[in-house]
């Protein structure tokens, strides 16, 4: 069963990694850069938090920081270091990489996918009534994750499991954030 999943994952990886073109190369490279995330977060906080609930900016900022902390550290310590699945660029030949090196030895689960989906989940749950924002955040998380296989860094299974872990992390941090908000509201009314 594991061998069949690994073979399927490898086939999907090769399909994604070998379907490329110049505009997509640059788009995927930008999506994978940490500085591009700052643009997304500044826009999200600026357009959503500061316009809709300016007094809660610090709580949203703290929630986003926790999303990164839990998703990033969890993806490394709970998965990468224990599962020890080699990245495709370390395990396979003829992996196409655009303007990037292979990175660490292990790739299961993708930290980029976990981080993107944790942040997107947290913001989508917080601003679910803002349809355009939920759609754009979901597309950003999917595209960021896809960029990692496109650039040769992860198998699709690494991305899927990273996304699931990120969704769980974002959901849990949303629950914590809501509990803190309720507690603060109660203390303000006293």
N, C-alpha and C. Protein backbone atom coordinates (compact mmCIF):
# COMPACT_ATOMS: atom_id res chain seq x y z
N UNK A 1 0.83 -1.20 0.00
CA UNK A 1 0.00 0.00 0.00
C UNK A 1 0.87 1.27 0.00
N UNK A 2 1.87 1.32 0.90
CA UNK A 2 2.76 2.48 0.97
C UNK A 2 3.52 2.64 -0.34
N UNK A 3 3.97 1.53 -0.91
CA UNK A 3 4.71 1.58 -2.17
C UNK A 3 3.84 2.12 -3.30
N UNK A 4 2.58 1.71 -3.34
CA UNK A 4 1.66 2.18 -4.38
C UNK A 4 1.40 3.68 -4.22
N UNK A 5 1.22 4.15 -2.99
CA UNK A 5 1.03 5.58 -2.75
C UNK A 5 2.28 6.37 -3.14
N UNK A 6 3.44 5.84 -2.80
CA UNK A 6 4.69 6.50 -3.13
C UNK A 6 4.88 6.59 -4.65
N UNK A 7 4.53 5.52 -5.36
CA UNK A 7 4.65 5.51 -6.82
C UNK A 7 3.69 6.53 -7.45
N UNK A 8 2.46 6.60 -6.94
CA UNK A 8 1.48 7.56 -7.43
C UNK A 8 1.96 8.99 -7.15
N UNK A 9 2.46 9.21 -5.95
CA UNK A 9 2.97 10.52 -5.56
C UNK A 9 4.13 10.94 -6.47
N UNK A 10 5.00 10.00 -6.80
CA UNK A 10 6.13 10.28 -7.68
C UNK A 10 5.65 10.63 -9.09
N UNK A 11 4.67 9.90 -9.58
CA UNK A 11 4.12 10.19 -10.91
C UNK A 11 3.50 11.58 -10.95
N UNK A 12 2.71 11.91 -9.93
CA UNK A 12 2.10 13.24 -9.87
C UNK A 12 3.17 14.32 -9.78
N UNK A 13 4.21 14.06 -8.98
CA UNK A 13 5.29 15.03 -8.86
C UNK A 13 5.92 15.29 -10.22
N UNK A 14 6.25 14.22 -10.95
CA UNK A 14 6.88 14.39 -12.26
C UNK A 14 5.96 15.17 -13.21
N UNK A 15 4.66 14.90 -13.16
CA UNK A 15 3.74 15.62 -14.02
C UNK A 15 3.78 17.12 -13.72
N UNK A 16 3.67 17.50 -12.44
CA UNK A 16 3.69 18.91 -12.04
C UNK A 16 5.04 19.54 -12.39
N UNK A 17 6.11 18.86 -12.04
CA UNK A 17 7.46 19.40 -12.18
C UNK A 17 7.87 19.54 -13.65
N UNK A 18 7.31 18.75 -14.53
CA UNK A 18 7.71 18.78 -15.94
C UNK A 18 6.80 19.62 -16.83
N UNK A 19 5.72 20.16 -16.28
CA UNK A 19 4.83 21.05 -17.05
C UNK A 19 5.12 22.49 -16.64
N UNK A 20 6.02 23.11 -17.38
CA UNK A 20 6.49 24.43 -17.01
C UNK A 20 6.55 25.36 -18.22
N UNK A 21 6.61 26.65 -17.91
CA UNK A 21 6.85 27.67 -18.92
C UNK A 21 7.43 28.89 -18.21
N UNK A 22 7.95 29.83 -18.96
CA UNK A 22 8.67 30.95 -18.36
C UNK A 22 7.81 31.81 -17.43
N UNK A 23 6.60 32.25 -17.85
CA UNK A 23 5.80 33.05 -16.91
C UNK A 23 5.45 32.29 -15.63
N UNK A 24 5.15 31.01 -15.78
CA UNK A 24 4.82 30.20 -14.61
C UNK A 24 6.04 29.99 -13.71
N UNK A 25 7.22 29.86 -14.32
CA UNK A 25 8.45 29.74 -13.53
C UNK A 25 8.57 30.89 -12.54
N UNK A 26 8.42 32.09 -13.06
CA UNK A 26 8.58 33.28 -12.21
C UNK A 26 7.44 33.41 -11.20
N UNK A 27 6.22 33.09 -11.60
CA UNK A 27 5.08 33.16 -10.69
C UNK A 27 5.27 32.20 -9.53
N UNK A 28 5.65 30.97 -9.83
CA UNK A 28 5.85 29.96 -8.79
C UNK A 28 7.03 30.32 -7.89
N UNK A 29 8.06 30.87 -8.47
CA UNK A 29 9.22 31.28 -7.67
C UNK A 29 8.82 32.38 -6.69
N UNK A 30 8.07 33.38 -7.17
CA UNK A 30 7.62 34.48 -6.30
C UNK A 30 6.73 33.94 -5.18
N UNK A 31 5.80 33.06 -5.51
CA UNK A 31 4.90 32.50 -4.50
C UNK A 31 5.66 31.75 -3.40
N UNK A 32 6.80 31.19 -3.73
CA UNK A 32 7.57 30.43 -2.75
C UNK A 32 8.47 31.30 -1.87
N UNK A 33 8.64 32.56 -2.24
CA UNK A 33 9.52 33.44 -1.48
C UNK A 33 8.82 33.96 -0.22
N UNK A 34 9.55 33.98 0.87
CA UNK A 34 8.96 34.45 2.13
C UNK A 34 8.55 35.92 2.07
N UNK A 35 9.29 36.74 1.33
CA UNK A 35 8.93 38.15 1.25
C UNK A 35 7.58 38.35 0.56
N UNK A 36 7.20 37.45 -0.34
CA UNK A 36 5.89 37.61 -0.99
C UNK A 36 4.76 37.37 -0.01
N UNK A 37 5.02 36.58 1.01
CA UNK A 37 4.01 36.34 2.05
C UNK A 37 3.73 37.61 2.82
N UNK A 38 4.77 38.40 3.04
CA UNK A 38 4.59 39.66 3.77
C UNK A 38 3.60 40.55 3.04
N UNK A 39 3.67 40.58 1.72
CA UNK A 39 2.73 41.37 0.92
C UNK A 39 1.30 40.89 1.17
N UNK A 40 1.10 39.59 1.12
CA UNK A 40 -0.23 39.01 1.33
C UNK A 40 -0.73 39.35 2.74
N UNK A 41 0.12 39.19 3.73
CA UNK A 41 -0.31 39.45 5.10
C UNK A 41 -0.59 40.92 5.36
N UNK A 42 0.23 41.81 4.82
CA UNK A 42 -0.02 43.24 4.99
C UNK A 42 -1.34 43.63 4.34
N UNK A 43 -1.58 43.12 3.14
CA UNK A 43 -2.85 43.40 2.47
C UNK A 43 -4.03 42.83 3.24
N UNK A 44 -3.89 41.59 3.72
CA UNK A 44 -4.98 40.96 4.47
C UNK A 44 -5.29 41.72 5.75
N UNK A 45 -4.26 42.03 6.50
CA UNK A 45 -4.49 42.75 7.76
C UNK A 45 -4.98 44.16 7.48
N UNK A 46 -4.39 44.81 6.47
CA UNK A 46 -4.80 46.17 6.15
C UNK A 46 -6.23 46.26 5.63
N UNK A 47 -6.57 45.38 4.71
CA UNK A 47 -7.90 45.45 4.09
C UNK A 47 -9.00 44.83 4.95
N UNK A 48 -8.63 43.86 5.76
CA UNK A 48 -9.65 43.17 6.55
C UNK A 48 -9.69 43.67 7.98
N UNK A 49 -8.58 43.53 8.68
CA UNK A 49 -8.59 43.83 10.11
C UNK A 49 -8.71 45.33 10.39
N UNK A 50 -7.86 46.13 9.78
CA UNK A 50 -7.87 47.55 10.09
C UNK A 50 -9.14 48.26 9.61
N UNK A 51 -9.78 47.72 8.58
CA UNK A 51 -11.03 48.31 8.10
C UNK A 51 -12.24 47.82 8.87
N UNK A 52 -12.23 46.57 9.30
CA UNK A 52 -13.42 45.96 9.88
C UNK A 52 -13.41 45.95 11.41
N UNK A 53 -12.26 45.78 11.98
CA UNK A 53 -12.16 45.71 13.45
C UNK A 53 -10.79 46.23 13.89
N UNK A 54 -10.58 47.53 13.77
CA UNK A 54 -9.26 48.10 14.04
C UNK A 54 -8.76 47.89 15.47
N UNK A 55 -9.66 47.74 16.41
CA UNK A 55 -9.23 47.54 17.80
C UNK A 55 -8.70 46.13 18.03
N UNK A 56 -8.95 45.22 17.11
CA UNK A 56 -8.52 43.83 17.28
C UNK A 56 -7.25 43.50 16.48
N UNK A 57 -6.58 44.50 15.92
CA UNK A 57 -5.40 44.24 15.08
C UNK A 57 -4.35 43.42 15.82
N UNK A 58 -4.17 43.69 17.10
CA UNK A 58 -3.13 42.99 17.87
C UNK A 58 -3.50 41.51 18.06
N UNK A 59 -4.79 41.23 18.21
CA UNK A 59 -5.24 39.84 18.38
C UNK A 59 -5.08 39.06 17.07
N UNK A 60 -5.39 39.72 15.96
CA UNK A 60 -5.19 39.09 14.65
C UNK A 60 -3.70 38.86 14.41
N UNK A 61 -2.89 39.85 14.72
CA UNK A 61 -1.44 39.71 14.56
C UNK A 61 -0.88 38.57 15.41
N UNK A 62 -1.35 38.48 16.64
CA UNK A 62 -0.92 37.39 17.53
C UNK A 62 -1.38 36.04 16.98
N UNK A 63 -2.61 35.98 16.47
CA UNK A 63 -3.11 34.74 15.88
C UNK A 63 -2.28 34.31 14.68
N UNK A 64 -1.92 35.27 13.82
CA UNK A 64 -1.09 34.95 12.65
C UNK A 64 0.28 34.46 13.08
N UNK A 65 0.86 35.11 14.09
CA UNK A 65 2.17 34.67 14.59
C UNK A 65 2.08 33.25 15.14
N UNK A 66 1.02 32.95 15.87
CA UNK A 66 0.83 31.59 16.40
C UNK A 66 0.63 30.58 15.27
N UNK A 67 -0.08 30.99 14.22
CA UNK A 67 -0.25 30.10 13.06
C UNK A 67 1.11 29.70 12.50
N UNK A 68 1.96 30.69 12.30
CA UNK A 68 3.30 30.41 11.77
C UNK A 68 4.10 29.54 12.74
N UNK A 69 4.05 29.87 14.00
CA UNK A 69 4.82 29.11 15.00
C UNK A 69 4.39 27.65 15.05
N UNK A 70 3.10 27.42 15.18
CA UNK A 70 2.59 26.06 15.31
C UNK A 70 2.78 25.27 14.01
N UNK A 71 2.40 25.87 12.88
CA UNK A 71 2.49 25.16 11.60
C UNK A 71 3.94 24.89 11.22
N UNK A 72 4.79 25.88 11.37
CA UNK A 72 6.19 25.73 10.96
C UNK A 72 6.94 24.75 11.86
N UNK A 73 6.87 24.98 13.15
CA UNK A 73 7.60 24.11 14.07
C UNK A 73 6.99 22.71 14.12
N UNK A 74 5.67 22.62 14.03
CA UNK A 74 5.02 21.32 14.01
C UNK A 74 5.39 20.52 12.77
N UNK A 75 5.44 21.19 11.63
CA UNK A 75 5.78 20.47 10.39
C UNK A 75 7.20 19.91 10.45
N UNK A 76 8.08 20.61 11.12
CA UNK A 76 9.47 20.14 11.24
C UNK A 76 9.60 19.06 12.31
N UNK A 77 9.16 19.38 13.52
CA UNK A 77 9.43 18.48 14.65
C UNK A 77 8.48 17.28 14.74
N UNK A 78 7.25 17.46 14.31
CA UNK A 78 6.30 16.34 14.37
C UNK A 78 6.40 15.43 13.14
N UNK A 79 6.80 16.00 12.00
CA UNK A 79 6.77 15.22 10.76
C UNK A 79 8.14 15.05 10.11
N UNK A 80 8.76 16.14 9.67
CA UNK A 80 10.00 16.01 8.90
C UNK A 80 11.06 15.20 9.64
N UNK A 81 11.27 15.50 10.90
CA UNK A 81 12.32 14.82 11.66
C UNK A 81 11.94 13.40 12.06
N UNK A 82 10.67 13.08 12.10
CA UNK A 82 10.26 11.73 12.49
C UNK A 82 9.99 10.82 11.29
N UNK A 83 9.37 11.36 10.23
CA UNK A 83 9.07 10.55 9.05
C UNK A 83 10.33 10.38 8.19
N UNK A 84 11.11 11.43 8.07
CA UNK A 84 12.38 11.42 7.33
C UNK A 84 12.22 10.98 5.87
N UNK A 85 11.23 11.50 5.20
CA UNK A 85 11.03 11.22 3.77
C UNK A 85 11.86 12.23 2.97
N UNK A 86 12.74 11.72 2.12
CA UNK A 86 13.60 12.59 1.32
C UNK A 86 12.77 13.46 0.39
N UNK A 87 13.24 14.67 0.18
CA UNK A 87 12.63 15.54 -0.82
C UNK A 87 12.87 14.91 -2.19
N UNK A 88 11.99 15.19 -3.15
CA UNK A 88 12.20 14.61 -4.48
C UNK A 88 13.52 15.03 -5.11
N UNK A 89 13.98 16.25 -4.83
CA UNK A 89 15.24 16.71 -5.39
C UNK A 89 16.44 15.98 -4.79
N UNK A 90 16.26 15.30 -3.66
CA UNK A 90 17.32 14.46 -3.07
C UNK A 90 17.14 12.99 -3.48
N UNK A 91 15.93 12.60 -3.85
CA UNK A 91 15.63 11.19 -4.09
C UNK A 91 15.53 10.80 -5.57
N UNK A 92 15.21 11.75 -6.42
CA UNK A 92 14.95 11.44 -7.82
C UNK A 92 15.97 12.12 -8.73
N UNK A 93 16.11 11.56 -9.92
CA UNK A 93 16.94 12.21 -10.92
C UNK A 93 16.04 13.04 -11.83
N UNK A 94 16.65 13.96 -12.53
CA UNK A 94 15.94 14.80 -13.50
C UNK A 94 14.81 15.62 -12.87
N UNK A 95 15.08 16.17 -11.70
CA UNK A 95 14.12 17.07 -11.08
C UNK A 95 14.46 18.48 -11.55
N UNK A 96 13.48 19.17 -12.08
CA UNK A 96 13.68 20.53 -12.57
C UNK A 96 13.49 21.50 -11.42
N UNK A 97 14.50 22.34 -11.21
CA UNK A 97 14.43 23.34 -10.15
C UNK A 97 14.70 24.70 -10.80
N UNK A 98 13.85 25.67 -10.49
CA UNK A 98 14.00 27.00 -11.06
C UNK A 98 14.47 27.97 -9.97
N UNK A 99 15.66 28.49 -10.12
CA UNK A 99 16.24 29.51 -9.22
C UNK A 99 16.19 29.11 -7.75
N UNK A 100 16.37 27.85 -7.46
CA UNK A 100 16.31 27.40 -6.07
C UNK A 100 17.20 26.19 -5.87
N UNK A 101 17.66 26.01 -4.65
CA UNK A 101 18.40 24.81 -4.29
C UNK A 101 17.45 23.80 -3.66
N UNK A 102 17.96 22.64 -3.37
CA UNK A 102 17.08 21.59 -2.86
C UNK A 102 16.63 21.85 -1.42
N UNK A 103 17.47 22.43 -0.61
CA UNK A 103 17.10 22.68 0.78
C UNK A 103 17.40 21.48 1.66
N UNK A 104 16.72 21.41 2.80
CA UNK A 104 16.93 20.32 3.75
C UNK A 104 16.65 18.96 3.13
N UNK A 105 17.11 17.93 3.78
CA UNK A 105 16.97 16.57 3.23
C UNK A 105 15.53 16.09 3.19
N UNK A 106 14.74 16.48 4.19
CA UNK A 106 13.40 15.89 4.33
C UNK A 106 12.30 16.87 3.95
N UNK A 107 11.23 16.32 3.36
CA UNK A 107 10.17 17.18 2.86
C UNK A 107 8.77 16.87 3.34
N UNK A 108 8.58 15.81 4.12
CA UNK A 108 7.23 15.47 4.58
C UNK A 108 7.05 15.94 6.02
N UNK A 109 6.20 16.87 6.21
CA UNK A 109 5.24 17.59 5.39
C UNK A 109 5.85 18.93 4.97
N UNK A 110 5.23 19.53 3.96
CA UNK A 110 5.71 20.83 3.47
C UNK A 110 5.39 21.92 4.48
N UNK A 111 6.44 22.60 4.93
CA UNK A 111 6.23 23.73 5.85
C UNK A 111 5.54 24.89 5.15
N UNK A 112 5.87 25.12 3.87
CA UNK A 112 5.19 26.18 3.13
C UNK A 112 3.68 25.92 3.09
N UNK A 113 3.30 24.68 2.78
CA UNK A 113 1.87 24.34 2.71
C UNK A 113 1.22 24.48 4.08
N UNK A 114 1.89 23.98 5.11
CA UNK A 114 1.34 24.07 6.47
C UNK A 114 1.16 25.53 6.88
N UNK A 115 2.16 26.36 6.64
CA UNK A 115 2.08 27.78 7.01
C UNK A 115 1.00 28.50 6.22
N UNK A 116 0.97 28.30 4.90
CA UNK A 116 -0.01 28.99 4.06
C UNK A 116 -1.44 28.61 4.45
N UNK A 117 -1.67 27.33 4.66
CA UNK A 117 -3.03 26.90 5.00
C UNK A 117 -3.40 27.27 6.44
N UNK A 118 -2.46 27.31 7.35
CA UNK A 118 -2.77 27.76 8.71
C UNK A 118 -3.21 29.22 8.69
N UNK A 119 -2.45 30.07 8.01
CA UNK A 119 -2.77 31.49 7.91
C UNK A 119 -4.09 31.69 7.18
N UNK A 120 -4.25 31.01 6.04
CA UNK A 120 -5.49 31.16 5.26
C UNK A 120 -6.69 30.70 6.07
N UNK A 121 -6.57 29.58 6.76
CA UNK A 121 -7.69 29.06 7.56
C UNK A 121 -8.06 30.04 8.67
N UNK A 122 -7.06 30.54 9.37
CA UNK A 122 -7.29 31.50 10.45
C UNK A 122 -8.03 32.74 9.92
N UNK A 123 -7.55 33.30 8.81
CA UNK A 123 -8.17 34.51 8.26
C UNK A 123 -9.53 34.24 7.63
N UNK A 124 -9.68 33.11 6.95
CA UNK A 124 -10.96 32.76 6.34
C UNK A 124 -12.03 32.56 7.42
N UNK A 125 -11.67 31.87 8.50
CA UNK A 125 -12.65 31.66 9.57
C UNK A 125 -13.00 32.98 10.26
N UNK A 126 -12.04 33.87 10.35
CA UNK A 126 -12.29 35.15 11.00
C UNK A 126 -13.15 36.07 10.12
N UNK A 127 -12.91 36.03 8.82
CA UNK A 127 -13.59 36.93 7.89
C UNK A 127 -14.40 36.17 6.84
N UNK A 128 -15.07 35.11 7.27
CA UNK A 128 -15.78 34.24 6.33
C UNK A 128 -16.91 34.94 5.57
N UNK A 129 -17.40 36.04 6.09
CA UNK A 129 -18.47 36.77 5.41
C UNK A 129 -17.95 37.64 4.26
N UNK A 130 -16.64 37.80 4.21
CA UNK A 130 -16.03 38.60 3.14
C UNK A 130 -15.61 37.62 2.04
N UNK A 131 -16.53 37.37 1.12
CA UNK A 131 -16.34 36.30 0.12
C UNK A 131 -15.07 36.48 -0.72
N UNK A 132 -14.82 37.69 -1.20
CA UNK A 132 -13.66 37.90 -2.06
C UNK A 132 -12.37 37.55 -1.32
N UNK A 133 -12.32 37.86 -0.03
CA UNK A 133 -11.11 37.58 0.76
C UNK A 133 -10.94 36.08 0.97
N UNK A 134 -12.03 35.39 1.26
CA UNK A 134 -11.91 33.94 1.49
C UNK A 134 -11.47 33.22 0.22
N UNK A 135 -12.00 33.65 -0.93
CA UNK A 135 -11.60 33.02 -2.20
C UNK A 135 -10.13 33.31 -2.50
N UNK A 136 -9.71 34.56 -2.36
CA UNK A 136 -8.32 34.91 -2.65
C UNK A 136 -7.34 34.23 -1.69
N UNK A 137 -7.69 34.15 -0.42
CA UNK A 137 -6.80 33.49 0.55
C UNK A 137 -6.68 31.99 0.26
N UNK A 138 -7.80 31.37 -0.10
CA UNK A 138 -7.75 29.94 -0.44
C UNK A 138 -6.92 29.71 -1.70
N UNK A 139 -7.10 30.55 -2.71
CA UNK A 139 -6.32 30.42 -3.94
C UNK A 139 -4.83 30.64 -3.67
N UNK A 140 -4.52 31.61 -2.82
CA UNK A 140 -3.12 31.89 -2.47
C UNK A 140 -2.50 30.67 -1.79
N UNK A 141 -3.20 30.06 -0.85
CA UNK A 141 -2.66 28.88 -0.14
C UNK A 141 -2.44 27.72 -1.11
N UNK A 142 -3.40 27.49 -2.00
CA UNK A 142 -3.26 26.40 -2.97
C UNK A 142 -2.11 26.68 -3.93
N UNK A 143 -2.03 27.90 -4.46
CA UNK A 143 -0.97 28.24 -5.41
C UNK A 143 0.40 28.19 -4.75
N UNK A 144 0.51 28.66 -3.53
CA UNK A 144 1.78 28.60 -2.80
C UNK A 144 2.21 27.15 -2.62
N UNK A 145 1.29 26.30 -2.25
CA UNK A 145 1.59 24.88 -2.06
C UNK A 145 2.01 24.26 -3.39
N UNK A 146 1.25 24.52 -4.43
CA UNK A 146 1.56 23.97 -5.76
C UNK A 146 2.97 24.38 -6.21
N UNK A 147 3.36 25.60 -5.87
CA UNK A 147 4.68 26.10 -6.29
C UNK A 147 5.81 25.22 -5.77
N UNK A 148 5.59 24.56 -4.66
CA UNK A 148 6.66 23.75 -4.06
C UNK A 148 6.93 22.48 -4.87
N UNK A 149 5.91 21.87 -5.44
CA UNK A 149 6.12 20.72 -6.33
C UNK A 149 6.64 21.21 -7.68
N UNK A 150 6.10 22.30 -8.16
CA UNK A 150 6.54 22.88 -9.42
C UNK A 150 8.04 23.16 -9.40
N UNK A 151 8.53 23.68 -8.27
CA UNK A 151 9.95 24.02 -8.14
C UNK A 151 10.82 22.84 -7.76
N UNK A 152 10.24 21.66 -7.57
CA UNK A 152 11.03 20.46 -7.31
C UNK A 152 11.32 20.19 -5.84
N UNK A 153 10.67 20.88 -4.93
CA UNK A 153 10.97 20.77 -3.50
C UNK A 153 10.15 19.72 -2.76
N UNK A 154 8.92 19.44 -3.24
CA UNK A 154 8.03 18.53 -2.51
C UNK A 154 7.21 17.66 -3.45
N UNK A 155 6.87 16.50 -2.95
CA UNK A 155 5.89 15.63 -3.60
C UNK A 155 4.50 16.20 -3.32
N UNK A 156 3.53 15.93 -4.18
CA UNK A 156 2.16 16.37 -3.90
C UNK A 156 1.63 15.85 -2.55
N UNK A 157 2.00 14.65 -2.15
CA UNK A 157 1.57 14.13 -0.85
C UNK A 157 2.11 14.95 0.31
N UNK A 158 3.32 15.48 0.17
CA UNK A 158 3.89 16.37 1.20
C UNK A 158 3.03 17.62 1.33
N UNK A 159 2.56 18.09 0.17
CA UNK A 159 1.75 19.31 0.14
C UNK A 159 0.36 19.08 0.73
N UNK A 160 -0.25 17.97 0.34
CA UNK A 160 -1.58 17.65 0.84
C UNK A 160 -1.56 17.47 2.36
N UNK A 161 -0.61 16.72 2.86
CA UNK A 161 -0.53 16.50 4.31
C UNK A 161 -0.13 17.79 5.05
N UNK A 162 0.73 18.59 4.43
CA UNK A 162 1.07 19.89 5.02
C UNK A 162 -0.15 20.80 5.08
N UNK A 163 -0.96 20.79 4.01
CA UNK A 163 -2.18 21.60 3.99
C UNK A 163 -3.15 21.15 5.08
N UNK A 164 -3.32 19.84 5.23
CA UNK A 164 -4.23 19.34 6.27
C UNK A 164 -3.74 19.72 7.67
N UNK A 165 -2.43 19.61 7.89
CA UNK A 165 -1.88 20.01 9.18
C UNK A 165 -2.06 21.51 9.40
N UNK A 166 -1.86 22.30 8.35
CA UNK A 166 -2.05 23.75 8.45
C UNK A 166 -3.49 24.12 8.75
N UNK A 167 -4.43 23.45 8.10
CA UNK A 167 -5.85 23.71 8.35
C UNK A 167 -6.18 23.41 9.81
N UNK A 168 -5.66 22.30 10.32
CA UNK A 168 -5.89 21.96 11.73
C UNK A 168 -5.29 23.03 12.65
N UNK A 169 -4.07 23.44 12.36
CA UNK A 169 -3.41 24.47 13.18
C UNK A 169 -4.20 25.78 13.14
N UNK A 170 -4.61 26.21 11.95
CA UNK A 170 -5.37 27.45 11.81
C UNK A 170 -6.71 27.39 12.54
N UNK A 171 -7.35 26.22 12.48
CA UNK A 171 -8.62 26.04 13.17
C UNK A 171 -8.44 26.12 14.69
N UNK A 172 -7.43 25.44 15.20
CA UNK A 172 -7.19 25.46 16.65
C UNK A 172 -6.84 26.87 17.13
N UNK A 173 -6.07 27.59 16.36
CA UNK A 173 -5.71 28.95 16.76
C UNK A 173 -6.92 29.87 16.68
N UNK A 174 -7.81 29.61 15.75
CA UNK A 174 -9.06 30.37 15.69
C UNK A 174 -9.89 30.13 16.95
N UNK A 175 -9.98 28.88 17.39
CA UNK A 175 -10.71 28.58 18.63
C UNK A 175 -10.11 29.30 19.82
N UNK A 176 -8.79 29.29 19.91
CA UNK A 176 -8.10 29.98 21.01
C UNK A 176 -8.36 31.48 20.92
N UNK A 177 -8.27 32.03 19.73
CA UNK A 177 -8.49 33.46 19.52
C UNK A 177 -9.90 33.87 19.94
N UNK A 178 -10.88 33.05 19.57
CA UNK A 178 -12.27 33.35 19.94
C UNK A 178 -12.46 33.29 21.45
N UNK A 179 -11.82 32.33 22.09
CA UNK A 179 -11.92 32.22 23.55
C UNK A 179 -11.31 33.44 24.23
N UNK A 180 -10.17 33.88 23.73
CA UNK A 180 -9.53 35.08 24.30
C UNK A 180 -10.41 36.30 24.09
N UNK A 181 -10.99 36.43 22.91
CA UNK A 181 -11.88 37.57 22.63
C UNK A 181 -13.08 37.59 23.56
N UNK A 182 -13.68 36.43 23.80
CA UNK A 182 -14.83 36.36 24.71
C UNK A 182 -14.43 36.76 26.12
N UNK A 183 -13.28 36.29 26.54
CA UNK A 183 -12.78 36.63 27.88
C UNK A 183 -12.53 38.14 27.99
N UNK A 184 -11.95 38.73 26.96
CA UNK A 184 -11.70 40.16 26.97
C UNK A 184 -13.00 40.96 26.96
N UNK A 185 -13.99 40.51 26.20
CA UNK A 185 -15.27 41.20 26.17
C UNK A 185 -15.96 41.15 27.54
N UNK A 186 -15.86 40.00 28.21
CA UNK A 186 -16.45 39.89 29.55
C UNK A 186 -15.77 40.82 30.53
N UNK A 187 -14.44 40.93 30.44
CA UNK A 187 -13.72 41.79 31.38
C UNK A 187 -13.98 43.27 31.08
N UNK A 188 -14.26 43.62 29.82
CA UNK A 188 -14.57 45.01 29.47
C UNK A 188 -15.95 45.43 29.96
N UNK A 189 -16.87 44.47 30.04
CA UNK A 189 -18.24 44.81 30.47
C UNK A 189 -18.37 44.90 31.98
N UNK A 190 -17.37 44.43 32.69
CA UNK A 190 -17.44 44.48 34.17
C UNK A 190 -17.13 45.85 34.70
